[in-house]
């Protein structure tokens, strides 16, 4: 990386953006290869899923509408009813298959980018072949972290949903009730964003340190202290970019049928090109943020030790040990 470790702690929002761009452009060849192998398919699958889901859902709505105006008990009604049931099954099977493939590619992309930046940071020789040989081993650690993060988010949403429901039942829709509901909902959003930030940084921790799962989330929670504002700003920037691309694609390509096929293909292509760039930049920025947080907490990563651990590929992936990476503190 371009900045000395001691200086990383002073990087703010724009400093992290600049550092991320510098890393990508300085090592454009390896990142281009990672993008072609993992991030491009990830982007394509995401956009294709929106379009295919729309096709299936339109068929379901059309058949359900016809079913509503059909007489119960007739052969035509039974045929439509069976068709609707089959379409719903197909819809959810497609969603499950999409989620599985998207998750795998997402975790593989994270592994590849984080590992690559770690090699760049230590000055080790890096090649696409080496990255792809290590990624599947690192991926096993990431999936554990993902499952724990997903469990935390699920429990949080269930508890928050119950609290919101109880507020409506108890207070109703009076002015006081609405005010309480809005406050609780804003608190829920704040908590959800906080958990998401921890989740993202925990993915980087899982690749570079000897902890994963709930331990990685705990480590991430400690690292992000003091840099919460910067992490939040990065998160909002990426969400706005990602959400903006998704919204444009949904409205102009998937839903807005009055546009010509040529225009829809053009807009879809632009969305695709922007999406993979946003995903790549987001992964790089998250990794840079990790090193910034380590520097901020005076946890000095020994580059030689990090390099030694990255070089070990015999058998299972050997992560960085806590005593090596949790590091000795340095004083500025």
C-alpha atoms as a PDB file:
ATOM      1  CA  UNK A   1       0.000   0.000   0.000  1.00  0.00           C
ATOM      2  CA  UNK A   2       1.147   3.511  -0.690  1.00  0.00           C
ATOM      3  CA  UNK A   3       0.951   4.909   2.847  1.00  0.00           C
ATOM      4  CA  UNK A   4       3.243   3.933   5.710  1.00  0.00           C
ATOM      5  CA  UNK A   5       1.387   2.089   8.440  1.00  0.00           C
ATOM      6  CA  UNK A   6       1.887   4.791  11.043  1.00  0.00           C
ATOM      7  CA  UNK A   7       0.290   7.282   8.671  1.00  0.00           C
ATOM      8  CA  UNK A   8      -2.752   5.131   7.913  1.00  0.00           C
ATOM      9  CA  UNK A   9      -4.429   6.091  11.185  1.00  0.00           C
ATOM     10  CA  UNK A  10      -4.700   9.672   9.941  1.00  0.00           C
ATOM     11  CA  UNK A  11      -6.569   8.756   6.759  1.00  0.00           C
ATOM     12  CA  UNK A  12     -10.083  10.141   6.735  1.00  0.00           C
ATOM     13  CA  UNK A  13     -12.986   9.416   4.419  1.00  0.00           C
ATOM     14  CA  UNK A  14     -11.417  10.968   1.317  1.00  0.00           C
ATOM     15  CA  UNK A  15      -8.007   9.583   2.219  1.00  0.00           C
ATOM     16  CA  UNK A  16      -9.390   6.034   2.214  1.00  0.00           C
ATOM     17  CA  UNK A  17     -11.104   6.675  -1.118  1.00  0.00           C
ATOM     18  CA  UNK A  18      -7.845   7.953  -2.606  1.00  0.00           C
ATOM     19  CA  UNK A  19      -5.833   5.045  -1.175  1.00  0.00           C
ATOM     20  CA  UNK A  20      -8.354   2.537  -2.541  1.00  0.00           C
ATOM     21  CA  UNK A  21      -8.204   4.064  -6.029  1.00  0.00           C
ATOM     22  CA  UNK A  22      -4.404   4.097  -5.902  1.00  0.00           C
ATOM     23  CA  UNK A  23      -4.260   0.407  -4.952  1.00  0.00           C
ATOM     24  CA  UNK A  24      -6.638  -0.585  -7.757  1.00  0.00           C
ATOM     25  CA  UNK A  25      -4.875   1.427 -10.461  1.00  0.00           C
ATOM     26  CA  UNK A  26      -1.376   0.502  -9.303  1.00  0.00           C
ATOM     27  CA  UNK A  27      -2.252  -3.200  -9.472  1.00  0.00           C
ATOM     28  CA  UNK A  28      -4.837  -3.043 -12.236  1.00  0.00           C
ATOM     29  CA  UNK A  29      -3.687  -6.294 -13.868  1.00  0.00           C
ATOM     30  CA  UNK A  30      -4.325  -8.581 -10.889  1.00  0.00           C
ATOM     31  CA  UNK A  31      -7.565  -6.793  -9.996  1.00  0.00           C
ATOM     32  CA  UNK A  32      -8.729  -7.041 -13.612  1.00  0.00           C
ATOM     33  CA  UNK A  33      -8.149 -10.795 -13.501  1.00  0.00           C
ATOM     34  CA  UNK A  34     -10.031 -11.136 -10.219  1.00  0.00           C
ATOM     35  CA  UNK A  35     -12.851  -9.042 -11.651  1.00  0.00           C
ATOM     36  CA  UNK A  36     -13.130 -11.170 -14.784  1.00  0.00           C
ATOM     37  CA  UNK A  37     -13.094 -14.419 -12.824  1.00  0.00           C
ATOM     38  CA  UNK A  38     -15.346 -13.538  -9.883  1.00  0.00           C
ATOM     39  CA  UNK A  39     -16.779 -10.028  -9.756  1.00  0.00           C
ATOM     40  CA  UNK A  40     -18.139  -9.887 -13.311  1.00  0.00           C
ATOM     41  CA  UNK A  41     -20.119 -13.150 -12.853  1.00  0.00           C
ATOM     42  CA  UNK A  42     -21.299 -11.842  -9.471  1.00  0.00           C
ATOM     43  CA  UNK A  43     -22.577  -8.619 -11.045  1.00  0.00           C
ATOM     44  CA  UNK A  44     -24.200 -10.427 -13.969  1.00  0.00           C
ATOM     45  CA  UNK A  45     -25.989 -12.901 -11.696  1.00  0.00           C
ATOM     46  CA  UNK A  46     -27.314 -10.086  -9.509  1.00  0.00           C
ATOM     47  CA  UNK A  47     -28.822  -8.160 -12.427  1.00  0.00           C
ATOM     48  CA  UNK A  48     -30.026 -11.295 -14.230  1.00  0.00           C
ATOM     49  CA  UNK A  49     -31.820 -12.415 -11.073  1.00  0.00           C
ATOM     50  CA  UNK A  50     -33.790  -9.157 -11.009  1.00  0.00           C
ATOM     51  CA  UNK A  51     -34.911  -9.626 -14.616  1.00  0.00           C
ATOM     52  CA  UNK A  52     -35.772 -13.336 -14.296  1.00  0.00           C
ATOM     53  CA  UNK A  53     -37.626 -12.766 -11.008  1.00  0.00           C
ATOM     54  CA  UNK A  54     -39.684 -10.115 -12.782  1.00  0.00           C
ATOM     55  CA  UNK A  55     -40.577 -12.514 -15.613  1.00  0.00           C
ATOM     56  CA  UNK A  56     -41.703 -15.220 -13.181  1.00  0.00           C
ATOM     57  CA  UNK A  57     -43.590 -12.799 -10.947  1.00  0.00           C
ATOM     58  CA  UNK A  58     -45.485 -11.275 -13.878  1.00  0.00           C
ATOM     59  CA  UNK A  59     -46.662 -14.756 -14.887  1.00  0.00           C
ATOM     60  CA  UNK A  60     -47.783 -15.441 -11.308  1.00  0.00           C
ATOM     61  CA  UNK A  61     -49.752 -12.189 -11.103  1.00  0.00           C
ATOM     62  CA  UNK A  62     -51.377 -12.811 -14.479  1.00  0.00           C
ATOM     63  CA  UNK A  63     -52.483 -16.343 -13.537  1.00  0.00           C
ATOM     64  CA  UNK A  64     -53.654 -15.273 -10.076  1.00  0.00           C
ATOM     65  CA  UNK A  65     -55.719 -12.509 -11.643  1.00  0.00           C
ATOM     66  CA  UNK A  66     -57.291 -15.009 -14.077  1.00  0.00           C
ATOM     67  CA  UNK A  67     -57.875 -17.421 -11.195  1.00  0.00           C
ATOM     68  CA  UNK A  68     -59.797 -14.770  -9.280  1.00  0.00           C
ATOM     69  CA  UNK A  69     -62.313 -14.440 -12.130  1.00  0.00           C
ATOM     70  CA  UNK A  70     -62.642 -18.180 -12.743  1.00  0.00           C
ATOM     71  CA  UNK A  71     -65.406 -20.329 -11.322  1.00  0.00           C
ATOM     72  CA  UNK A  72     -64.317 -22.649  -8.513  1.00  0.00           C
ATOM     73  CA  UNK A  73     -64.414 -26.373  -9.288  1.00  0.00           C
ATOM     74  CA  UNK A  74     -64.104 -26.101 -13.070  1.00  0.00           C
ATOM     75  CA  UNK A  75     -61.264 -27.825 -14.952  1.00  0.00           C
ATOM     76  CA  UNK A  76     -59.975 -24.421 -16.024  1.00  0.00           C
ATOM     77  CA  UNK A  77     -59.867 -23.252 -12.388  1.00  0.00           C
ATOM     78  CA  UNK A  78     -57.995 -26.371 -11.291  1.00  0.00           C
ATOM     79  CA  UNK A  79     -55.522 -25.972 -14.148  1.00  0.00           C
ATOM     80  CA  UNK A  80     -54.833 -22.342 -13.216  1.00  0.00           C
ATOM     81  CA  UNK A  81     -54.549 -23.214  -9.534  1.00  0.00           C
ATOM     82  CA  UNK A  82     -51.947 -25.888 -10.270  1.00  0.00           C
ATOM     83  CA  UNK A  83     -50.100 -23.504 -12.569  1.00  0.00           C
ATOM     84  CA  UNK A  84     -49.953 -20.808  -9.869  1.00  0.00           C
ATOM     85  CA  UNK A  85     -48.688 -23.321  -7.291  1.00  0.00           C
ATOM     86  CA  UNK A  86     -45.979 -24.531  -9.677  1.00  0.00           C
ATOM     87  CA  UNK A  87     -44.949 -20.966 -10.490  1.00  0.00           C
ATOM     88  CA  UNK A  88     -44.583 -20.084  -6.820  1.00  0.00           C
ATOM     89  CA  UNK A  89     -42.460 -23.189  -6.252  1.00  0.00           C
ATOM     90  CA  UNK A  90     -40.304 -22.263  -9.251  1.00  0.00           C
ATOM     91  CA  UNK A  91     -40.015 -18.683  -7.970  1.00  0.00           C
ATOM     92  CA  UNK A  92     -38.725 -19.686  -4.541  1.00  0.00           C
ATOM     93  CA  UNK A  93     -36.450 -22.417  -5.906  1.00  0.00           C
ATOM     94  CA  UNK A  94     -34.941 -19.832  -8.232  1.00  0.00           C
ATOM     95  CA  UNK A  95     -34.485 -17.408  -5.326  1.00  0.00           C
ATOM     96  CA  UNK A  96     -32.755 -20.109  -3.265  1.00  0.00           C
ATOM     97  CA  UNK A  97     -30.436 -21.065  -6.146  1.00  0.00           C
ATOM     98  CA  UNK A  98     -29.635 -17.396  -6.804  1.00  0.00           C
ATOM     99  CA  UNK A  99     -28.878 -16.694  -3.150  1.00  0.00           C
ATOM    100  CA  UNK A 100     -26.562 -19.716  -2.929  1.00  0.00           C
ATOM    101  CA  UNK A 101     -24.578 -18.841  -6.053  1.00  0.00           C
ATOM    102  CA  UNK A 102     -24.465 -15.135  -5.160  1.00  0.00           C
ATOM    103  CA  UNK A 103     -23.215 -15.932  -1.655  1.00  0.00           C
ATOM    104  CA  UNK A 104     -20.470 -18.233  -2.939  1.00  0.00           C
ATOM    105  CA  UNK A 105     -19.222 -15.715  -5.511  1.00  0.00           C
ATOM    106  CA  UNK A 106     -19.451 -12.873  -3.005  1.00  0.00           C
ATOM    107  CA  UNK A 107     -17.352 -14.688  -0.411  1.00  0.00           C
ATOM    108  CA  UNK A 108     -14.850 -15.846  -3.018  1.00  0.00           C
ATOM    109  CA  UNK A 109     -14.524 -12.268  -4.300  1.00  0.00           C
ATOM    110  CA  UNK A 110     -13.975 -10.990  -0.763  1.00  0.00           C
ATOM    111  CA  UNK A 111     -11.319 -13.652  -0.129  1.00  0.00           C
ATOM    112  CA  UNK A 112      -9.496 -12.836  -3.368  1.00  0.00           C
ATOM    113  CA  UNK A 113      -9.451  -9.064  -2.890  1.00  0.00           C
ATOM    114  CA  UNK A 114      -8.496  -9.109   0.804  1.00  0.00           C
ATOM    115  CA  UNK A 115      -5.748 -11.680   0.265  1.00  0.00           C
ATOM    116  CA  UNK A 116      -4.393  -9.732  -2.733  1.00  0.00           C
ATOM    117  CA  UNK A 117      -4.203  -6.474  -0.806  1.00  0.00           C
ATOM    118  CA  UNK A 118      -2.452  -8.261   2.089  1.00  0.00           C
ATOM    119  CA  UNK A 119       0.183  -9.524  -0.366  1.00  0.00           C
ATOM    120  CA  UNK A 120       0.535  -6.034  -1.851  1.00  0.00           C
ATOM    121  CA  UNK A 121       0.886  -4.583   1.645  1.00  0.00           C
ATOM    122  CA  UNK A 122       3.711  -7.004   2.512  1.00  0.00           C
ATOM    123  CA  UNK A 123       5.455  -6.549  -0.842  1.00  0.00           C
ATOM    124  CA  UNK A 124       5.091 -10.221  -1.732  1.00  0.00           C
ATOM    125  CA  UNK A 125       5.050 -11.389  -5.318  1.00  0.00           C
ATOM    126  CA  UNK A 126       1.428 -11.974  -6.258  1.00  0.00           C
ATOM    127  CA  UNK A 127      -0.122 -13.748  -9.205  1.00  0.00           C
ATOM    128  CA  UNK A 128      -3.660 -14.609 -10.200  1.00  0.00           C
ATOM    129  CA  UNK A 129      -2.863 -18.330 -10.027  1.00  0.00           C
ATOM    130  CA  UNK A 130      -1.614 -17.975  -6.454  1.00  0.00           C
ATOM    131  CA  UNK A 131      -4.695 -15.996  -5.437  1.00  0.00           C
ATOM    132  CA  UNK A 132      -7.080 -18.565  -6.889  1.00  0.00           C
ATOM    133  CA  UNK A 133      -5.226 -21.409  -5.158  1.00  0.00           C
ATOM    134  CA  UNK A 134      -5.622 -19.811  -1.728  1.00  0.00           C
ATOM    135  CA  UNK A 135      -9.131 -18.368  -2.097  1.00  0.00           C
ATOM    136  CA  UNK A 136     -11.062 -21.663  -1.615  1.00  0.00           C
ATOM    137  CA  UNK A 137      -9.222 -22.275   1.672  1.00  0.00           C
ATOM    138  CA  UNK A 138      -9.854 -18.760   2.970  1.00  0.00           C
ATOM    139  CA  UNK A 139     -13.486 -19.056   1.871  1.00  0.00           C
ATOM    140  CA  UNK A 140     -14.152 -21.738   4.504  1.00  0.00           C
ATOM    141  CA  UNK A 141     -13.427 -19.220   7.259  1.00  0.00           C
ATOM    142  CA  UNK A 142     -15.588 -16.577   5.649  1.00  0.00           C
ATOM    143  CA  UNK A 143     -18.617 -18.851   5.438  1.00  0.00           C
ATOM    144  CA  UNK A 144     -18.473 -19.428   9.209  1.00  0.00           C
ATOM    145  CA  UNK A 145     -18.341 -15.679   9.801  1.00  0.00           C
ATOM    146  CA  UNK A 146     -21.238 -15.192   7.401  1.00  0.00           C
ATOM    147  CA  UNK A 147     -23.379 -17.795   9.178  1.00  0.00           C
ATOM    148  CA  UNK A 148     -22.768 -16.188  12.548  1.00  0.00           C
ATOM    149  CA  UNK A 149     -23.461 -12.718  11.145  1.00  0.00           C
ATOM    150  CA  UNK A 150     -26.633 -13.967   9.484  1.00  0.00           C
ATOM    151  CA  UNK A 151     -27.777 -15.514  12.772  1.00  0.00           C
ATOM    152  CA  UNK A 152     -27.149 -12.242  14.625  1.00  0.00           C
ATOM    153  CA  UNK A 153     -29.067 -10.248  11.982  1.00  0.00           C
ATOM    154  CA  UNK A 154     -31.938 -12.754  12.039  1.00  0.00           C
ATOM    155  CA  UNK A 155     -32.310 -12.615  15.826  1.00  0.00           C
ATOM    156  CA  UNK A 156     -31.996  -8.832  15.786  1.00  0.00           C
ATOM    157  CA  UNK A 157     -34.721  -8.484  13.142  1.00  0.00           C
ATOM    158  CA  UNK A 158     -37.054 -10.852  15.000  1.00  0.00           C
ATOM    159  CA  UNK A 159     -36.643  -8.971  18.281  1.00  0.00           C
ATOM    160  CA  UNK A 160     -36.940  -5.567  16.593  1.00  0.00           C
ATOM    161  CA  UNK A 161     -39.996  -6.679  14.604  1.00  0.00           C
ATOM    162  CA  UNK A 162     -41.673  -7.907  17.788  1.00  0.00           C
ATOM    163  CA  UNK A 163     -40.984  -4.599  19.537  1.00  0.00           C
ATOM    164  CA  UNK A 164     -42.396  -2.606  16.619  1.00  0.00           C
ATOM    165  CA  UNK A 165     -45.475  -4.834  16.488  1.00  0.00           C
ATOM    166  CA  UNK A 166     -46.061  -4.481  20.234  1.00  0.00           C
ATOM    167  CA  UNK A 167     -45.783  -0.689  19.964  1.00  0.00           C
ATOM    168  CA  UNK A 168     -48.539  -0.674  17.335  1.00  0.00           C
ATOM    169  CA  UNK A 169     -50.753  -3.046  19.341  1.00  0.00           C
ATOM    170  CA  UNK A 170     -50.325  -1.167  22.612  1.00  0.00           C
ATOM    171  CA  UNK A 171     -50.215   2.451  21.404  1.00  0.00           C
ATOM    172  CA  UNK A 172     -52.227   2.156  18.196  1.00  0.00           C
ATOM    173  CA  UNK A 173     -52.010   4.840  15.516  1.00  0.00           C
ATOM    174  CA  UNK A 174     -52.468   7.852  17.724  1.00  0.00           C
ATOM    175  CA  UNK A 175     -50.026  10.726  17.410  1.00  0.00           C
ATOM    176  CA  UNK A 176     -48.080   9.425  20.416  1.00  0.00           C
ATOM    177  CA  UNK A 177     -48.163   5.875  19.038  1.00  0.00           C
ATOM    178  CA  UNK A 178     -46.863   6.981  15.639  1.00  0.00           C
ATOM    179  CA  UNK A 179     -44.098   9.023  17.280  1.00  0.00           C
ATOM    180  CA  UNK A 180     -43.000   6.036  19.381  1.00  0.00           C
ATOM    181  CA  UNK A 181     -43.084   3.777  16.314  1.00  0.00           C
ATOM    182  CA  UNK A 182     -40.917   6.219  14.328  1.00  0.00           C
ATOM    183  CA  UNK A 183     -38.376   6.479  17.171  1.00  0.00           C
ATOM    184  CA  UNK A 184     -38.209   2.692  17.527  1.00  0.00           C
ATOM    185  CA  UNK A 185     -37.862   2.273  13.768  1.00  0.00           C
ATOM    186  CA  UNK A 186     -35.003   4.781  13.623  1.00  0.00           C
ATOM    187  CA  UNK A 187     -33.295   2.958  16.489  1.00  0.00           C
ATOM    188  CA  UNK A 188     -33.780  -0.296  14.590  1.00  0.00           C
ATOM    189  CA  UNK A 189     -32.175   1.173  11.444  1.00  0.00           C
ATOM    190  CA  UNK A 190     -29.234   2.498  13.454  1.00  0.00           C
ATOM    191  CA  UNK A 191     -28.666  -0.909  15.012  1.00  0.00           C
ATOM    192  CA  UNK A 192     -28.996  -2.673  11.674  1.00  0.00           C
ATOM    193  CA  UNK A 193     -26.411  -0.414  10.043  1.00  0.00           C
ATOM    194  CA  UNK A 194     -24.064  -0.906  13.008  1.00  0.00           C
ATOM    195  CA  UNK A 195     -24.316  -4.705  12.742  1.00  0.00           C
ATOM    196  CA  UNK A 196     -23.751  -4.508   8.984  1.00  0.00           C
ATOM    197  CA  UNK A 197     -20.589  -2.433   9.458  1.00  0.00           C
ATOM    198  CA  UNK A 198     -19.246  -4.968  11.950  1.00  0.00           C
ATOM    199  CA  UNK A 199     -20.158  -7.788   9.572  1.00  0.00           C
ATOM    200  CA  UNK A 200     -18.246  -6.220   6.680  1.00  0.00           C
ATOM    201  CA  UNK A 201     -15.078  -5.593   8.681  1.00  0.00           C
ATOM    202  CA  UNK A 202     -15.356  -9.066  10.246  1.00  0.00           C
ATOM    203  CA  UNK A 203     -14.996 -10.551   6.753  1.00  0.00           C
ATOM    204  CA  UNK A 204     -11.586  -8.912   6.404  1.00  0.00           C
ATOM    205  CA  UNK A 205     -10.613  -9.997   9.922  1.00  0.00           C
ATOM    206  CA  UNK A 206     -11.548 -13.603   9.079  1.00  0.00           C
ATOM    207  CA  UNK A 207      -9.102 -13.622   6.160  1.00  0.00           C
ATOM    208  CA  UNK A 208      -6.141 -11.927   7.844  1.00  0.00           C
ATOM    209  CA  UNK A 209      -6.337 -13.115  11.451  1.00  0.00           C
ATOM    210  CA  UNK A 210      -6.736 -16.381  13.314  1.00  0.00           C
ATOM    211  CA  UNK A 211     -10.306 -15.632  14.378  1.00  0.00           C
ATOM    212  CA  UNK A 212     -13.555 -16.127  12.527  1.00  0.00           C
ATOM    213  CA  UNK A 213     -17.245 -16.428  13.261  1.00  0.00           C
ATOM    214  CA  UNK A 214     -18.480 -14.646  16.382  1.00  0.00           C
ATOM    215  CA  UNK A 215     -14.864 -13.997  17.447  1.00  0.00           C
ATOM    216  CA  UNK A 216     -14.217 -12.109  14.214  1.00  0.00           C
ATOM    217  CA  UNK A 217     -17.315 -10.000  14.829  1.00  0.00           C
ATOM    218  CA  UNK A 218     -16.115  -9.231  18.351  1.00  0.00           C
ATOM    219  CA  UNK A 219     -12.693  -8.266  16.991  1.00  0.00           C
ATOM    220  CA  UNK A 220     -14.329  -6.139  14.303  1.00  0.00           C
ATOM    221  CA  UNK A 221     -16.452  -4.368  16.905  1.00  0.00           C
ATOM    222  CA  UNK A 222     -13.318  -3.359  18.777  1.00  0.00           C
ATOM    223  CA  UNK A 223     -11.471  -2.244  15.660  1.00  0.00           C
ATOM    224  CA  UNK A 224     -14.247  -0.035  14.360  1.00  0.00           C
ATOM    225  CA  UNK A 225     -14.353   2.073  17.540  1.00  0.00           C
ATOM    226  CA  UNK A 226     -13.009   5.531  16.840  1.00  0.00           C
ATOM    227  CA  UNK A 227     -13.526   5.159  13.098  1.00  0.00           C
ATOM    228  CA  UNK A 228     -17.289   4.658  13.145  1.00  0.00           C
ATOM    229  CA  UNK A 229     -17.995   7.929  11.323  1.00  0.00           C
ATOM    230  CA  UNK A 230     -15.646   7.058   8.463  1.00  0.00           C
ATOM    231  CA  UNK A 231     -16.971   3.489   8.252  1.00  0.00           C
ATOM    232  CA  UNK A 232     -20.533   4.803   8.173  1.00  0.00           C
ATOM    233  CA  UNK A 233     -19.694   7.317   5.433  1.00  0.00           C
ATOM    234  CA  UNK A 234     -18.101   4.569   3.308  1.00  0.00           C
ATOM    235  CA  UNK A 235     -21.082   2.309   3.905  1.00  0.00           C
ATOM    236  CA  UNK A 236     -23.581   4.998   2.907  1.00  0.00           C
ATOM    237  CA  UNK A 237     -21.579   5.863  -0.222  1.00  0.00           C
ATOM    238  CA  UNK A 238     -21.483   2.244  -1.354  1.00  0.00           C
ATOM    239  CA  UNK A 239     -25.160   1.677  -0.501  1.00  0.00           C
ATOM    240  CA  UNK A 240     -26.164   4.778  -2.472  1.00  0.00           C
ATOM    241  CA  UNK A 241     -24.143   3.645  -5.485  1.00  0.00           C
ATOM    242  CA  UNK A 242     -25.322   0.041  -5.275  1.00  0.00           C
ATOM    243  CA  UNK A 243     -28.938   1.003  -4.574  1.00  0.00           C
ATOM    244  CA  UNK A 244     -28.921   3.610  -7.333  1.00  0.00           C
ATOM    245  CA  UNK A 245     -27.708   1.094  -9.916  1.00  0.00           C
ATOM    246  CA  UNK A 246     -30.282  -1.462  -8.772  1.00  0.00           C
ATOM    247  CA  UNK A 247     -33.114   1.086  -8.872  1.00  0.00           C
ATOM    248  CA  UNK A 248     -32.225   2.295 -12.370  1.00  0.00           C
ATOM    249  CA  UNK A 249     -32.006  -1.288 -13.631  1.00  0.00           C
ATOM    250  CA  UNK A 250     -35.337  -2.255 -12.078  1.00  0.00           C
ATOM    251  CA  UNK A 251     -37.222   0.780 -13.341  1.00  0.00           C
ATOM    252  CA  UNK A 252     -35.688   1.241 -16.779  1.00  0.00           C
ATOM    253  CA  UNK A 253     -34.858  -2.357 -17.721  1.00  0.00           C
ATOM    254  CA  UNK A 254     -36.831  -4.897 -15.691  1.00  0.00           C
ATOM    255  CA  UNK A 255     -40.122  -3.013 -15.208  1.00  0.00           C
ATOM    256  CA  UNK A 256     -40.383  -0.235 -17.799  1.00  0.00           C
ATOM    257  CA  UNK A 257     -41.552  -2.107 -20.877  1.00  0.00           C
ATOM    258  CA  UNK A 258     -42.327   0.997 -22.954  1.00  0.00           C
ATOM    259  CA  UNK A 259     -38.630   1.484 -23.745  1.00  0.00           C
ATOM    260  CA  UNK A 260     -37.254  -0.124 -26.878  1.00  0.00           C
ATOM    261  CA  UNK A 261     -35.177  -3.287 -26.586  1.00  0.00           C
ATOM    262  CA  UNK A 262     -32.066  -1.439 -27.748  1.00  0.00           C
ATOM    263  CA  UNK A 263     -32.401   1.263 -25.086  1.00  0.00           C
ATOM    264  CA  UNK A 264     -33.026  -1.318 -22.370  1.00  0.00           C
ATOM    265  CA  UNK A 265     -29.941  -3.284 -23.423  1.00  0.00           C
ATOM    266  CA  UNK A 266     -27.862  -0.090 -23.380  1.00  0.00           C
ATOM    267  CA  UNK A 267     -29.068   0.889 -19.891  1.00  0.00           C
ATOM    268  CA  UNK A 268     -28.573  -2.668 -18.646  1.00  0.00           C
ATOM    269  CA  UNK A 269     -25.011  -2.708 -19.970  1.00  0.00           C
ATOM    270  CA  UNK A 270     -24.198   0.599 -18.276  1.00  0.00           C
ATOM    271  CA  UNK A 271     -25.642  -0.693 -14.986  1.00  0.00           C
ATOM    272  CA  UNK A 272     -23.561  -3.864 -15.320  1.00  0.00           C
ATOM    273  CA  UNK A 273     -20.341  -1.934 -15.964  1.00  0.00           C
ATOM    274  CA  UNK A 274     -20.964   0.378 -13.019  1.00  0.00           C
ATOM    275  CA  UNK A 275     -21.976  -2.428 -10.681  1.00  0.00           C
ATOM    276  CA  UNK A 276     -18.799  -4.490 -10.951  1.00  0.00           C
ATOM    277  CA  UNK A 277     -16.702  -1.350 -10.432  1.00  0.00           C
ATOM    278  CA  UNK A 278     -18.667  -0.493  -7.274  1.00  0.00           C
ATOM    279  CA  UNK A 279     -18.286  -4.045  -5.920  1.00  0.00           C
ATOM    280  CA  UNK A 280     -14.535  -4.091  -6.540  1.00  0.00           C
ATOM    281  CA  UNK A 281     -14.020  -0.662  -5.041  1.00  0.00           C
ATOM    282  CA  UNK A 282     -16.144  -1.567  -2.016  1.00  0.00           C
ATOM    283  CA  UNK A 283     -14.073  -4.663  -1.257  1.00  0.00           C
ATOM    284  CA  UNK A 284     -10.816  -2.746  -1.591  1.00  0.00           C
ATOM    285  CA  UNK A 285     -12.103   0.120   0.573  1.00  0.00           C
ATOM    286  CA  UNK A 286     -13.189  -2.309   3.319  1.00  0.00           C
ATOM    287  CA  UNK A 287      -9.701  -3.819   3.408  1.00  0.00           C
ATOM    288  CA  UNK A 288      -8.033  -0.407   3.500  1.00  0.00           C
ATOM    289  CA  UNK A 289     -10.394   0.531   6.353  1.00  0.00           C
ATOM    290  CA  UNK A 290      -9.196  -2.550   8.251  1.00  0.00           C
ATOM    291  CA  UNK A 291      -5.569  -1.407   8.079  1.00  0.00           C
ATOM    292  CA  UNK A 292      -6.610   2.133   9.023  1.00  0.00           C
ATOM    293  CA  UNK A 293      -8.435   0.797  12.101  1.00  0.00           C
ATOM    294  CA  UNK A 294      -5.429  -1.347  13.068  1.00  0.00           C
ATOM    295  CA  UNK A 295      -3.160   1.682  12.790  1.00  0.00           C
ATOM    296  CA  UNK A 296      -5.612   3.873  14.740  1.00  0.00           C
ATOM    297  CA  UNK A 297      -5.548   1.410  17.653  1.00  0.00           C
ATOM    298  CA  UNK A 298      -1.725   1.296  17.473  1.00  0.00           C
ATOM    299  CA  UNK A 299      -1.690  -2.357  16.449  1.00  0.00           C
ATOM    300  CA  UNK A 300       1.445  -2.552  14.369  1.00  0.00           C
ATOM    301  CA  UNK A 301       1.299  -5.435  11.887  1.00  0.00           C
ATOM    302  CA  UNK A 302       4.719  -6.965  11.334  1.00  0.00           C
ATOM    303  CA  UNK A 303       5.000  -7.201   7.551  1.00  0.00           C
ATOM    304  CA  UNK A 304       7.562 -10.010   7.645  1.00  0.00           C
ATOM    305  CA  UNK A 305       5.357 -12.158   9.882  1.00  0.00           C
ATOM    306  CA  UNK A 306       2.325 -11.403   7.759  1.00  0.00           C
ATOM    307  CA  UNK A 307       4.310 -12.353   4.654  1.00  0.00           C
ATOM    308  CA  UNK A 308       5.458 -15.622   6.227  1.00  0.00           C
ATOM    309  CA  UNK A 309       1.898 -16.622   7.033  1.00  0.00           C
ATOM    310  CA  UNK A 310       0.663 -15.699   3.579  1.00  0.00           C
ATOM    311  CA  UNK A 311       3.355 -17.946   2.118  1.00  0.00           C
ATOM    312  CA  UNK A 312       2.157 -21.075   3.915  1.00  0.00           C
ATOM    313  CA  UNK A 313      -0.059 -23.099   1.565  1.00  0.00           C
ATOM    314  CA  UNK A 314       0.691 -26.700   2.496  1.00  0.00           C
ATOM    315  CA  UNK A 315      -2.466 -28.444   3.621  1.00  0.00           C
ATOM    316  CA  UNK A 316      -5.039 -26.124   5.123  1.00  0.00           C
ATOM    317  CA  UNK A 317      -4.829 -22.342   4.970  1.00  0.00           C
ATOM    318  CA  UNK A 318      -2.769 -21.035   7.900  1.00  0.00           C
ATOM    319  CA  UNK A 319      -4.094 -17.682   9.122  1.00  0.00           C
ATOM    320  CA  UNK A 320      -2.242 -15.054  11.030  1.00  0.00           C
ATOM    321  CA  UNK A 321      -1.837 -15.837  14.715  1.00  0.00           C
ATOM    322  CA  UNK A 322      -3.208 -13.457  17.318  1.00  0.00           C
ATOM    323  CA  UNK A 323       0.193 -13.070  18.926  1.00  0.00           C
ATOM    324  CA  UNK A 324       1.589 -12.042  15.528  1.00  0.00           C
ATOM    325  CA  UNK A 325      -1.155  -9.880  14.148  1.00  0.00           C
ATOM    326  CA  UNK A 326      -2.912  -8.648  17.214  1.00  0.00           C
ATOM    327  CA  UNK A 327       0.342  -7.116  17.441  1.00  0.00           C
ATOM    328  CA  UNK A 328       2.570  -5.108  19.524  1.00  0.00           C
ATOM    329  CA  UNK A 329       1.395  -1.630  20.152  1.00  0.00           C
ATOM    330  CA  UNK A 330       3.458   1.207  18.825  1.00  0.00           C
ATOM    331  CA  UNK A 331       3.367   4.768  20.003  1.00  0.00           C
ATOM    332  CA  UNK A 332       3.181   7.811  17.822  1.00  0.00           C
END
